[in-house]
């Protein structure tokens, strides 16, 4: 495979907090010219076999994927895993344990919203959940839009569900080392997702990548839906400096909510080593 290649290795289905099934995502990706695809649901791999079959039916190559939530320096960081064995017992158990805390957290979020006059948020959010184990802030945001409390999800996250705002409940996720180990021991590659989104100082970001590499992490998402053109350049430079492979993914969730569609990102620079070159024997 060439470096200049339409790969989309980050998106979400109804198995976590997306709005489309794995099959509909595969169709959309193929129509948009995606050649290599990965479904990366949050802390979940239950859609992997469906996604691989749908990719094949739509003429695309496929890499298994997931996006694992970890806590680092008091912040939630996401680690994308690619090309692993989806039936690996340790990976499956680790993801199960990571998901387990979402239910109690969601109830507490609902209680906080009730204190500011927003009632029934838990039940409202459940309507948008394909997998109740994976209820998240996104599902609450859709409820707040549906009920007219906010006009869109961007307004939700300005007024609610973020640190210091009503409905925010932190969750302690997996440790960084655990997430990287689950991925790598299952034969996959670990990638830091959308690093431009984290509110780290330069020293904290350096510490994140240093520890990530020490645990066996190999990649960084350079081109992704939430990065600006300046951040494409910044994280391409970081990848070269730290000897990391580069990934590309839209982080697509929904036709109505996502700013970047599947397969519509700029290509990776030909100066970078793409993650799919290191996973050639894992591509289906």
C-alpha atoms as a PDB file:
ATOM      1  CA  UNK A   1       0.000   0.000   0.000  1.00  0.00           C
ATOM      2  CA  UNK A   2       1.230   3.493  -0.776  1.00  0.00           C
ATOM      3  CA  UNK A   3       1.585   6.242   1.785  1.00  0.00           C
ATOM      4  CA  UNK A   4      -0.859   8.448  -0.118  1.00  0.00           C
ATOM      5  CA  UNK A   5      -3.874   6.325   0.614  1.00  0.00           C
ATOM      6  CA  UNK A   6      -7.474   6.980   1.684  1.00  0.00           C
ATOM      7  CA  UNK A   7      -7.499   5.250   5.041  1.00  0.00           C
ATOM      8  CA  UNK A   8     -10.044   6.180   7.720  1.00  0.00           C
ATOM      9  CA  UNK A   9      -9.029   4.521  10.952  1.00  0.00           C
ATOM     10  CA  UNK A  10     -11.241   6.255  13.516  1.00  0.00           C
ATOM     11  CA  UNK A  11     -15.050   6.256  13.630  1.00  0.00           C
ATOM     12  CA  UNK A  12     -17.934   5.147  15.844  1.00  0.00           C
ATOM     13  CA  UNK A  13     -21.113   3.105  15.407  1.00  0.00           C
ATOM     14  CA  UNK A  14     -24.235   2.473  17.471  1.00  0.00           C
ATOM     15  CA  UNK A  15     -22.171  -0.091  19.379  1.00  0.00           C
ATOM     16  CA  UNK A  16     -20.751   2.910  21.282  1.00  0.00           C
ATOM     17  CA  UNK A  17     -21.835   6.528  20.697  1.00  0.00           C
ATOM     18  CA  UNK A  18     -22.311   6.740  16.942  1.00  0.00           C
ATOM     19  CA  UNK A  19     -25.707   6.854  15.240  1.00  0.00           C
ATOM     20  CA  UNK A  20     -25.106   4.457  12.324  1.00  0.00           C
ATOM     21  CA  UNK A  21     -24.725   0.682  12.325  1.00  0.00           C
ATOM     22  CA  UNK A  22     -21.368  -0.825  11.320  1.00  0.00           C
ATOM     23  CA  UNK A  23     -22.969  -1.814   8.009  1.00  0.00           C
ATOM     24  CA  UNK A  24     -24.175   1.718   7.210  1.00  0.00           C
ATOM     25  CA  UNK A  25     -20.801   3.175   8.208  1.00  0.00           C
ATOM     26  CA  UNK A  26     -19.071   0.774   5.837  1.00  0.00           C
ATOM     27  CA  UNK A  27     -21.363   1.798   2.983  1.00  0.00           C
ATOM     28  CA  UNK A  28     -20.767   5.490   3.684  1.00  0.00           C
ATOM     29  CA  UNK A  29     -17.014   5.005   3.872  1.00  0.00           C
ATOM     30  CA  UNK A  30     -16.919   3.100   0.591  1.00  0.00           C
ATOM     31  CA  UNK A  31     -19.038   5.709  -1.214  1.00  0.00           C
ATOM     32  CA  UNK A  32     -16.605   8.371   0.039  1.00  0.00           C
ATOM     33  CA  UNK A  33     -13.641   6.522  -1.445  1.00  0.00           C
ATOM     34  CA  UNK A  34     -12.189   4.943   1.687  1.00  0.00           C
ATOM     35  CA  UNK A  35      -9.815   2.102   0.763  1.00  0.00           C
ATOM     36  CA  UNK A  36      -8.802   0.956   4.250  1.00  0.00           C
ATOM     37  CA  UNK A  37     -11.251   1.285   7.142  1.00  0.00           C
ATOM     38  CA  UNK A  38     -11.422   0.641  10.885  1.00  0.00           C
ATOM     39  CA  UNK A  39     -14.370   0.860  13.265  1.00  0.00           C
ATOM     40  CA  UNK A  40     -13.077   2.161  16.619  1.00  0.00           C
ATOM     41  CA  UNK A  41     -15.958   2.125  19.096  1.00  0.00           C
ATOM     42  CA  UNK A  42     -15.267   3.415  22.611  1.00  0.00           C
ATOM     43  CA  UNK A  43     -13.983   0.700  24.965  1.00  0.00           C
ATOM     44  CA  UNK A  44     -15.837  -1.908  22.902  1.00  0.00           C
ATOM     45  CA  UNK A  45     -15.094  -4.404  20.145  1.00  0.00           C
ATOM     46  CA  UNK A  46     -18.553  -5.963  19.837  1.00  0.00           C
ATOM     47  CA  UNK A  47     -19.010  -4.596  16.316  1.00  0.00           C
ATOM     48  CA  UNK A  48     -15.728  -5.847  14.880  1.00  0.00           C
ATOM     49  CA  UNK A  49     -16.859  -8.986  13.078  1.00  0.00           C
ATOM     50  CA  UNK A  50     -19.831  -7.132  11.557  1.00  0.00           C
ATOM     51  CA  UNK A  51     -17.579  -4.275  10.461  1.00  0.00           C
ATOM     52  CA  UNK A  52     -15.020  -6.595   8.860  1.00  0.00           C
ATOM     53  CA  UNK A  53     -17.751  -8.399   6.925  1.00  0.00           C
ATOM     54  CA  UNK A  54     -19.316  -5.095   5.828  1.00  0.00           C
ATOM     55  CA  UNK A  55     -15.939  -3.762   4.708  1.00  0.00           C
ATOM     56  CA  UNK A  56     -15.383  -6.837   2.549  1.00  0.00           C
ATOM     57  CA  UNK A  57     -18.900  -6.556   1.090  1.00  0.00           C
ATOM     58  CA  UNK A  58     -18.168  -2.935   0.130  1.00  0.00           C
ATOM     59  CA  UNK A  59     -14.773  -3.625  -1.426  1.00  0.00           C
ATOM     60  CA  UNK A  60     -12.623  -2.131   1.356  1.00  0.00           C
ATOM     61  CA  UNK A  61      -9.681  -3.525   3.296  1.00  0.00           C
ATOM     62  CA  UNK A  62     -10.172  -3.639   7.062  1.00  0.00           C
ATOM     63  CA  UNK A  63      -8.236  -3.254  10.315  1.00  0.00           C
ATOM     64  CA  UNK A  64      -9.806  -4.116  13.657  1.00  0.00           C
ATOM     65  CA  UNK A  65     -10.123  -1.120  15.950  1.00  0.00           C
ATOM     66  CA  UNK A  66     -11.184   0.306  19.291  1.00  0.00           C
ATOM     67  CA  UNK A  67     -10.707   3.570  21.207  1.00  0.00           C
ATOM     68  CA  UNK A  68      -9.774   3.050  24.851  1.00  0.00           C
ATOM     69  CA  UNK A  69     -10.324   5.746  27.485  1.00  0.00           C
ATOM     70  CA  UNK A  70      -7.395   6.220  29.862  1.00  0.00           C
ATOM     71  CA  UNK A  71      -6.604   8.672  32.634  1.00  0.00           C
ATOM     72  CA  UNK A  72      -3.308  10.544  32.385  1.00  0.00           C
ATOM     73  CA  UNK A  73      -2.309  13.555  34.491  1.00  0.00           C
ATOM     74  CA  UNK A  74      -5.905  13.935  35.614  1.00  0.00           C
ATOM     75  CA  UNK A  75      -7.245  14.136  32.044  1.00  0.00           C
ATOM     76  CA  UNK A  76      -9.084  11.608  29.898  1.00  0.00           C
ATOM     77  CA  UNK A  77      -6.925  10.560  26.957  1.00  0.00           C
ATOM     78  CA  UNK A  78      -7.984   8.206  24.156  1.00  0.00           C
ATOM     79  CA  UNK A  79      -5.783   5.453  22.778  1.00  0.00           C
ATOM     80  CA  UNK A  80      -6.798   3.895  19.472  1.00  0.00           C
ATOM     81  CA  UNK A  81      -5.918   0.250  18.992  1.00  0.00           C
ATOM     82  CA  UNK A  82      -5.598  -1.105  15.451  1.00  0.00           C
ATOM     83  CA  UNK A  83      -4.981  -4.520  13.940  1.00  0.00           C
ATOM     84  CA  UNK A  84      -5.460  -6.626  17.081  1.00  0.00           C
ATOM     85  CA  UNK A  85      -7.142 -10.004  17.549  1.00  0.00           C
ATOM     86  CA  UNK A  86     -10.739  -9.093  18.525  1.00  0.00           C
ATOM     87  CA  UNK A  87     -11.148 -12.392  20.362  1.00  0.00           C
ATOM     88  CA  UNK A  88      -8.121 -11.871  22.632  1.00  0.00           C
ATOM     89  CA  UNK A  89      -9.226 -12.720  26.181  1.00  0.00           C
ATOM     90  CA  UNK A  90      -7.138 -10.104  28.010  1.00  0.00           C
ATOM     91  CA  UNK A  91      -8.238  -7.318  25.680  1.00  0.00           C
ATOM     92  CA  UNK A  92     -11.903  -8.308  26.002  1.00  0.00           C
ATOM     93  CA  UNK A  93     -11.679  -8.435  29.801  1.00  0.00           C
ATOM     94  CA  UNK A  94      -9.836  -5.122  30.027  1.00  0.00           C
ATOM     95  CA  UNK A  95     -12.445  -3.373  27.900  1.00  0.00           C
ATOM     96  CA  UNK A  96     -15.260  -4.942  29.932  1.00  0.00           C
ATOM     97  CA  UNK A  97     -13.718  -3.614  33.138  1.00  0.00           C
ATOM     98  CA  UNK A  98     -13.273  -0.155  31.599  1.00  0.00           C
ATOM     99  CA  UNK A  99     -16.929  -0.004  30.516  1.00  0.00           C
ATOM    100  CA  UNK A 100     -18.218  -1.091  33.911  1.00  0.00           C
ATOM    101  CA  UNK A 101     -18.010   2.356  35.521  1.00  0.00           C
ATOM    102  CA  UNK A 102     -20.117   4.160  32.925  1.00  0.00           C
ATOM    103  CA  UNK A 103     -23.526   3.204  34.377  1.00  0.00           C
ATOM    104  CA  UNK A 104     -23.039   4.649  37.885  1.00  0.00           C
ATOM    105  CA  UNK A 105     -21.360   7.698  36.352  1.00  0.00           C
ATOM    106  CA  UNK A 106     -24.379   8.267  34.091  1.00  0.00           C
ATOM    107  CA  UNK A 107     -26.767   8.124  37.056  1.00  0.00           C
ATOM    108  CA  UNK A 108     -24.697  10.739  38.867  1.00  0.00           C
ATOM    109  CA  UNK A 109     -24.668  12.943  35.757  1.00  0.00           C
ATOM    110  CA  UNK A 110     -28.460  12.722  35.642  1.00  0.00           C
ATOM    111  CA  UNK A 111     -28.736  13.637  39.329  1.00  0.00           C
ATOM    112  CA  UNK A 112     -26.576  16.715  38.787  1.00  0.00           C
ATOM    113  CA  UNK A 113     -28.684  17.857  35.830  1.00  0.00           C
ATOM    114  CA  UNK A 114     -31.852  17.389  37.906  1.00  0.00           C
ATOM    115  CA  UNK A 115     -30.450  19.842  40.463  1.00  0.00           C
ATOM    116  CA  UNK A 116     -30.483  22.569  37.793  1.00  0.00           C
ATOM    117  CA  UNK A 117     -34.020  21.699  36.666  1.00  0.00           C
ATOM    118  CA  UNK A 118     -33.299  19.175  33.895  1.00  0.00           C
ATOM    119  CA  UNK A 119     -35.218  16.052  34.843  1.00  0.00           C
ATOM    120  CA  UNK A 120     -35.309  12.607  33.236  1.00  0.00           C
ATOM    121  CA  UNK A 121     -31.883  12.955  31.625  1.00  0.00           C
ATOM    122  CA  UNK A 122     -30.801   9.370  32.301  1.00  0.00           C
ATOM    123  CA  UNK A 123     -33.941   7.900  30.747  1.00  0.00           C
ATOM    124  CA  UNK A 124     -33.709  10.405  27.887  1.00  0.00           C
ATOM    125  CA  UNK A 125     -30.086   9.534  27.185  1.00  0.00           C
ATOM    126  CA  UNK A 126     -30.894   5.819  27.180  1.00  0.00           C
ATOM    127  CA  UNK A 127     -33.023   6.301  24.063  1.00  0.00           C
ATOM    128  CA  UNK A 128     -29.846   7.051  22.124  1.00  0.00           C
ATOM    129  CA  UNK A 129     -27.780   4.189  23.525  1.00  0.00           C
ATOM    130  CA  UNK A 130     -27.214   1.142  21.358  1.00  0.00           C
ATOM    131  CA  UNK A 131     -25.246  -0.475  24.188  1.00  0.00           C
ATOM    132  CA  UNK A 132     -26.305   0.567  27.757  1.00  0.00           C
ATOM    133  CA  UNK A 133     -22.825  -0.356  29.040  1.00  0.00           C
ATOM    134  CA  UNK A 134     -21.485   2.503  26.935  1.00  0.00           C
ATOM    135  CA  UNK A 135     -23.794   5.353  27.955  1.00  0.00           C
ATOM    136  CA  UNK A 136     -21.759   8.528  27.657  1.00  0.00           C
ATOM    137  CA  UNK A 137     -21.859  12.310  27.628  1.00  0.00           C
ATOM    138  CA  UNK A 138     -22.709  12.190  23.924  1.00  0.00           C
ATOM    139  CA  UNK A 139     -26.002  10.431  24.654  1.00  0.00           C
ATOM    140  CA  UNK A 140     -26.886  13.035  27.296  1.00  0.00           C
ATOM    141  CA  UNK A 141     -25.998  15.769  24.803  1.00  0.00           C
ATOM    142  CA  UNK A 142     -28.433  14.351  22.245  1.00  0.00           C
ATOM    143  CA  UNK A 143     -31.175  14.353  24.887  1.00  0.00           C
ATOM    144  CA  UNK A 144     -30.473  18.017  25.712  1.00  0.00           C
ATOM    145  CA  UNK A 145     -30.738  18.923  22.026  1.00  0.00           C
ATOM    146  CA  UNK A 146     -33.905  16.846  21.512  1.00  0.00           C
ATOM    147  CA  UNK A 147     -35.644  18.574  24.411  1.00  0.00           C
ATOM    148  CA  UNK A 148     -34.691  22.030  23.146  1.00  0.00           C
ATOM    149  CA  UNK A 149     -32.484  22.902  26.111  1.00  0.00           C
ATOM    150  CA  UNK A 150     -29.623  23.428  23.661  1.00  0.00           C
ATOM    151  CA  UNK A 151     -29.702  24.005  19.911  1.00  0.00           C
ATOM    152  CA  UNK A 152     -26.846  21.609  19.131  1.00  0.00           C
ATOM    153  CA  UNK A 153     -24.263  19.423  20.807  1.00  0.00           C
ATOM    154  CA  UNK A 154     -21.635  22.182  20.601  1.00  0.00           C
ATOM    155  CA  UNK A 155     -23.834  24.349  22.828  1.00  0.00           C
ATOM    156  CA  UNK A 156     -24.324  21.418  25.203  1.00  0.00           C
ATOM    157  CA  UNK A 157     -20.610  21.114  25.784  1.00  0.00           C
ATOM    158  CA  UNK A 158     -20.271  24.867  26.353  1.00  0.00           C
ATOM    159  CA  UNK A 159     -22.975  24.884  29.044  1.00  0.00           C
ATOM    160  CA  UNK A 160     -23.135  21.368  30.470  1.00  0.00           C
ATOM    161  CA  UNK A 161     -21.258  18.089  30.973  1.00  0.00           C
ATOM    162  CA  UNK A 162     -17.765  19.634  31.049  1.00  0.00           C
ATOM    163  CA  UNK A 163     -15.531  20.432  34.001  1.00  0.00           C
ATOM    164  CA  UNK A 164     -17.124  23.095  36.188  1.00  0.00           C
ATOM    165  CA  UNK A 165     -20.518  22.848  34.447  1.00  0.00           C
ATOM    166  CA  UNK A 166     -23.708  21.017  35.531  1.00  0.00           C
ATOM    167  CA  UNK A 167     -23.670  17.307  34.755  1.00  0.00           C
ATOM    168  CA  UNK A 168     -19.911  16.851  34.726  1.00  0.00           C
ATOM    169  CA  UNK A 169     -18.765  13.712  36.520  1.00  0.00           C
ATOM    170  CA  UNK A 170     -15.157  12.601  36.068  1.00  0.00           C
ATOM    171  CA  UNK A 171     -14.446   8.936  35.556  1.00  0.00           C
ATOM    172  CA  UNK A 172     -11.202   7.152  36.273  1.00  0.00           C
ATOM    173  CA  UNK A 173     -10.497   5.054  33.235  1.00  0.00           C
ATOM    174  CA  UNK A 174      -7.843   2.452  32.509  1.00  0.00           C
ATOM    175  CA  UNK A 175      -4.188   3.218  33.112  1.00  0.00           C
ATOM    176  CA  UNK A 176      -2.202   4.201  30.014  1.00  0.00           C
ATOM    177  CA  UNK A 177       0.115   1.215  30.379  1.00  0.00           C
ATOM    178  CA  UNK A 178      -2.784  -1.214  30.675  1.00  0.00           C
ATOM    179  CA  UNK A 179      -4.492   0.050  27.517  1.00  0.00           C
ATOM    180  CA  UNK A 180      -1.299  -0.098  25.464  1.00  0.00           C
ATOM    181  CA  UNK A 181      -0.515  -3.581  26.798  1.00  0.00           C
ATOM    182  CA  UNK A 182      -4.000  -4.946  25.981  1.00  0.00           C
ATOM    183  CA  UNK A 183      -3.629  -3.733  22.392  1.00  0.00           C
ATOM    184  CA  UNK A 184      -0.067  -4.839  21.788  1.00  0.00           C
ATOM    185  CA  UNK A 185      -0.413  -8.254  23.442  1.00  0.00           C
ATOM    186  CA  UNK A 186      -3.367  -8.868  21.136  1.00  0.00           C
ATOM    187  CA  UNK A 187      -1.093  -8.222  18.150  1.00  0.00           C
ATOM    188  CA  UNK A 188      -2.159  -4.644  17.459  1.00  0.00           C
ATOM    189  CA  UNK A 189      -0.677  -1.151  17.320  1.00  0.00           C
ATOM    190  CA  UNK A 190      -1.472   1.544  19.903  1.00  0.00           C
ATOM    191  CA  UNK A 191      -1.981   5.120  18.683  1.00  0.00           C
ATOM    192  CA  UNK A 192      -2.585   8.347  20.650  1.00  0.00           C
ATOM    193  CA  UNK A 193      -5.895   9.702  19.327  1.00  0.00           C
ATOM    194  CA  UNK A 194      -6.425  13.401  18.436  1.00  0.00           C
ATOM    195  CA  UNK A 195      -3.631  14.790  20.679  1.00  0.00           C
ATOM    196  CA  UNK A 196      -4.586  18.367  19.835  1.00  0.00           C
ATOM    197  CA  UNK A 197      -7.753  18.002  21.907  1.00  0.00           C
ATOM    198  CA  UNK A 198      -6.032  17.536  25.251  1.00  0.00           C
ATOM    199  CA  UNK A 199      -5.421  20.528  27.487  1.00  0.00           C
ATOM    200  CA  UNK A 200      -1.864  19.591  28.360  1.00  0.00           C
ATOM    201  CA  UNK A 201       1.118  21.853  28.812  1.00  0.00           C
ATOM    202  CA  UNK A 202       4.101  21.136  26.594  1.00  0.00           C
ATOM    203  CA  UNK A 203       5.765  19.274  29.463  1.00  0.00           C
ATOM    204  CA  UNK A 204       2.654  17.178  30.158  1.00  0.00           C
ATOM    205  CA  UNK A 205       2.291  16.286  26.478  1.00  0.00           C
ATOM    206  CA  UNK A 206       5.945  15.256  26.340  1.00  0.00           C
ATOM    207  CA  UNK A 207       5.410  13.115  29.447  1.00  0.00           C
ATOM    208  CA  UNK A 208       2.359  11.484  27.833  1.00  0.00           C
ATOM    209  CA  UNK A 209       4.249  10.469  24.705  1.00  0.00           C
ATOM    210  CA  UNK A 210       7.327   9.408  26.636  1.00  0.00           C
ATOM    211  CA  UNK A 211       5.306   7.081  28.860  1.00  0.00           C
ATOM    212  CA  UNK A 212       3.212   5.907  25.896  1.00  0.00           C
ATOM    213  CA  UNK A 213       6.347   4.866  23.993  1.00  0.00           C
ATOM    214  CA  UNK A 214       7.844   3.232  27.080  1.00  0.00           C
ATOM    215  CA  UNK A 215       4.778   0.985  27.339  1.00  0.00           C
ATOM    216  CA  UNK A 216       5.049  -0.022  23.670  1.00  0.00           C
ATOM    217  CA  UNK A 217       2.865   2.587  21.960  1.00  0.00           C
ATOM    218  CA  UNK A 218       3.916   3.245  18.376  1.00  0.00           C
ATOM    219  CA  UNK A 219       1.696   5.862  16.736  1.00  0.00           C
ATOM    220  CA  UNK A 220      -0.030   9.234  16.809  1.00  0.00           C
ATOM    221  CA  UNK A 221      -3.148  10.407  15.006  1.00  0.00           C
ATOM    222  CA  UNK A 222      -1.794  13.242  12.884  1.00  0.00           C
ATOM    223  CA  UNK A 223      -4.736  13.917  10.560  1.00  0.00           C
ATOM    224  CA  UNK A 224      -8.085  13.748  12.331  1.00  0.00           C
ATOM    225  CA  UNK A 225     -11.414  15.542  12.292  1.00  0.00           C
ATOM    226  CA  UNK A 226     -10.741  17.785  15.297  1.00  0.00           C
ATOM    227  CA  UNK A 227      -7.254  18.925  14.235  1.00  0.00           C
ATOM    228  CA  UNK A 228      -6.627  22.223  12.503  1.00  0.00           C
ATOM    229  CA  UNK A 229      -4.275  22.488   9.524  1.00  0.00           C
ATOM    230  CA  UNK A 230      -1.643  23.881  11.904  1.00  0.00           C
ATOM    231  CA  UNK A 231      -2.068  20.827  14.125  1.00  0.00           C
ATOM    232  CA  UNK A 232      -1.625  18.516  11.125  1.00  0.00           C
ATOM    233  CA  UNK A 233       1.820  20.092  10.740  1.00  0.00           C
ATOM    234  CA  UNK A 234       2.553  20.134  14.482  1.00  0.00           C
ATOM    235  CA  UNK A 235       1.823  16.451  15.025  1.00  0.00           C
ATOM    236  CA  UNK A 236       3.519  15.388  11.801  1.00  0.00           C
ATOM    237  CA  UNK A 237       6.623  17.058  13.203  1.00  0.00           C
ATOM    238  CA  UNK A 238       6.146  15.329  16.564  1.00  0.00           C
ATOM    239  CA  UNK A 239       5.773  11.945  14.850  1.00  0.00           C
ATOM    240  CA  UNK A 240       9.063  12.431  13.033  1.00  0.00           C
ATOM    241  CA  UNK A 241      10.825  13.734  16.146  1.00  0.00           C
ATOM    242  CA  UNK A 242       9.708  10.825  18.344  1.00  0.00           C
ATOM    243  CA  UNK A 243       9.909   8.103  15.699  1.00  0.00           C
ATOM    244  CA  UNK A 244       6.176   7.371  15.737  1.00  0.00           C
ATOM    245  CA  UNK A 245       4.065   6.081  12.881  1.00  0.00           C
ATOM    246  CA  UNK A 246       1.184   8.284  11.773  1.00  0.00           C
ATOM    247  CA  UNK A 247      -2.528   7.571  11.610  1.00  0.00           C
ATOM    248  CA  UNK A 248      -5.463   9.226   9.865  1.00  0.00           C
ATOM    249  CA  UNK A 249      -9.123   9.092  10.908  1.00  0.00           C
ATOM    250  CA  UNK A 250     -12.203  11.277  10.783  1.00  0.00           C
ATOM    251  CA  UNK A 251     -13.567  10.427  14.270  1.00  0.00           C
ATOM    252  CA  UNK A 252     -16.961  10.294  12.530  1.00  0.00           C
ATOM    253  CA  UNK A 253     -19.983   9.765  14.819  1.00  0.00           C
ATOM    254  CA  UNK A 254     -23.055  10.930  12.928  1.00  0.00           C
ATOM    255  CA  UNK A 255     -24.110  12.599   9.666  1.00  0.00           C
ATOM    256  CA  UNK A 256     -25.827  15.292  11.760  1.00  0.00           C
ATOM    257  CA  UNK A 257     -23.059  15.957  14.281  1.00  0.00           C
ATOM    258  CA  UNK A 258     -19.664  15.326  12.715  1.00  0.00           C
ATOM    259  CA  UNK A 259     -17.814  18.170  10.993  1.00  0.00           C
ATOM    260  CA  UNK A 260     -15.651  15.783   8.976  1.00  0.00           C
ATOM    261  CA  UNK A 261     -17.140  12.938   6.970  1.00  0.00           C
ATOM    262  CA  UNK A 262     -15.581   9.525   6.532  1.00  0.00           C
ATOM    263  CA  UNK A 263     -12.718   9.575   4.040  1.00  0.00           C
ATOM    264  CA  UNK A 264     -12.728  13.368   3.548  1.00  0.00           C
ATOM    265  CA  UNK A 265      -9.557  14.301   5.404  1.00  0.00           C
ATOM    266  CA  UNK A 266      -6.287  15.523   3.877  1.00  0.00           C
ATOM    267  CA  UNK A 267      -3.813  12.763   3.150  1.00  0.00           C
ATOM    268  CA  UNK A 268      -0.829  12.077   5.366  1.00  0.00           C
ATOM    269  CA  UNK A 269       2.435  13.717   4.349  1.00  0.00           C
ATOM    270  CA  UNK A 270       4.680  11.392   2.348  1.00  0.00           C
ATOM    271  CA  UNK A 271       7.427  12.161   4.880  1.00  0.00           C
ATOM    272  CA  UNK A 272       5.570  10.097   7.498  1.00  0.00           C
ATOM    273  CA  UNK A 273       5.399   6.349   7.988  1.00  0.00           C
ATOM    274  CA  UNK A 274       1.690   5.404   8.046  1.00  0.00           C
ATOM    275  CA  UNK A 275       0.501   2.987  10.694  1.00  0.00           C
ATOM    276  CA  UNK A 276      -0.920   0.647   8.043  1.00  0.00           C
ATOM    277  CA  UNK A 277       2.580  -0.043   6.708  1.00  0.00           C
ATOM    278  CA  UNK A 278       3.467  -1.571  10.085  1.00  0.00           C
ATOM    279  CA  UNK A 279       0.246  -3.604  10.146  1.00  0.00           C
ATOM    280  CA  UNK A 280       0.346  -5.065   6.648  1.00  0.00           C
ATOM    281  CA  UNK A 281      -0.032  -8.620   7.925  1.00  0.00           C
ATOM    282  CA  UNK A 282      -3.064  -7.626  10.040  1.00  0.00           C
ATOM    283  CA  UNK A 283      -5.118  -6.108   7.219  1.00  0.00           C
ATOM    284  CA  UNK A 284      -8.166  -8.149   6.257  1.00  0.00           C
END
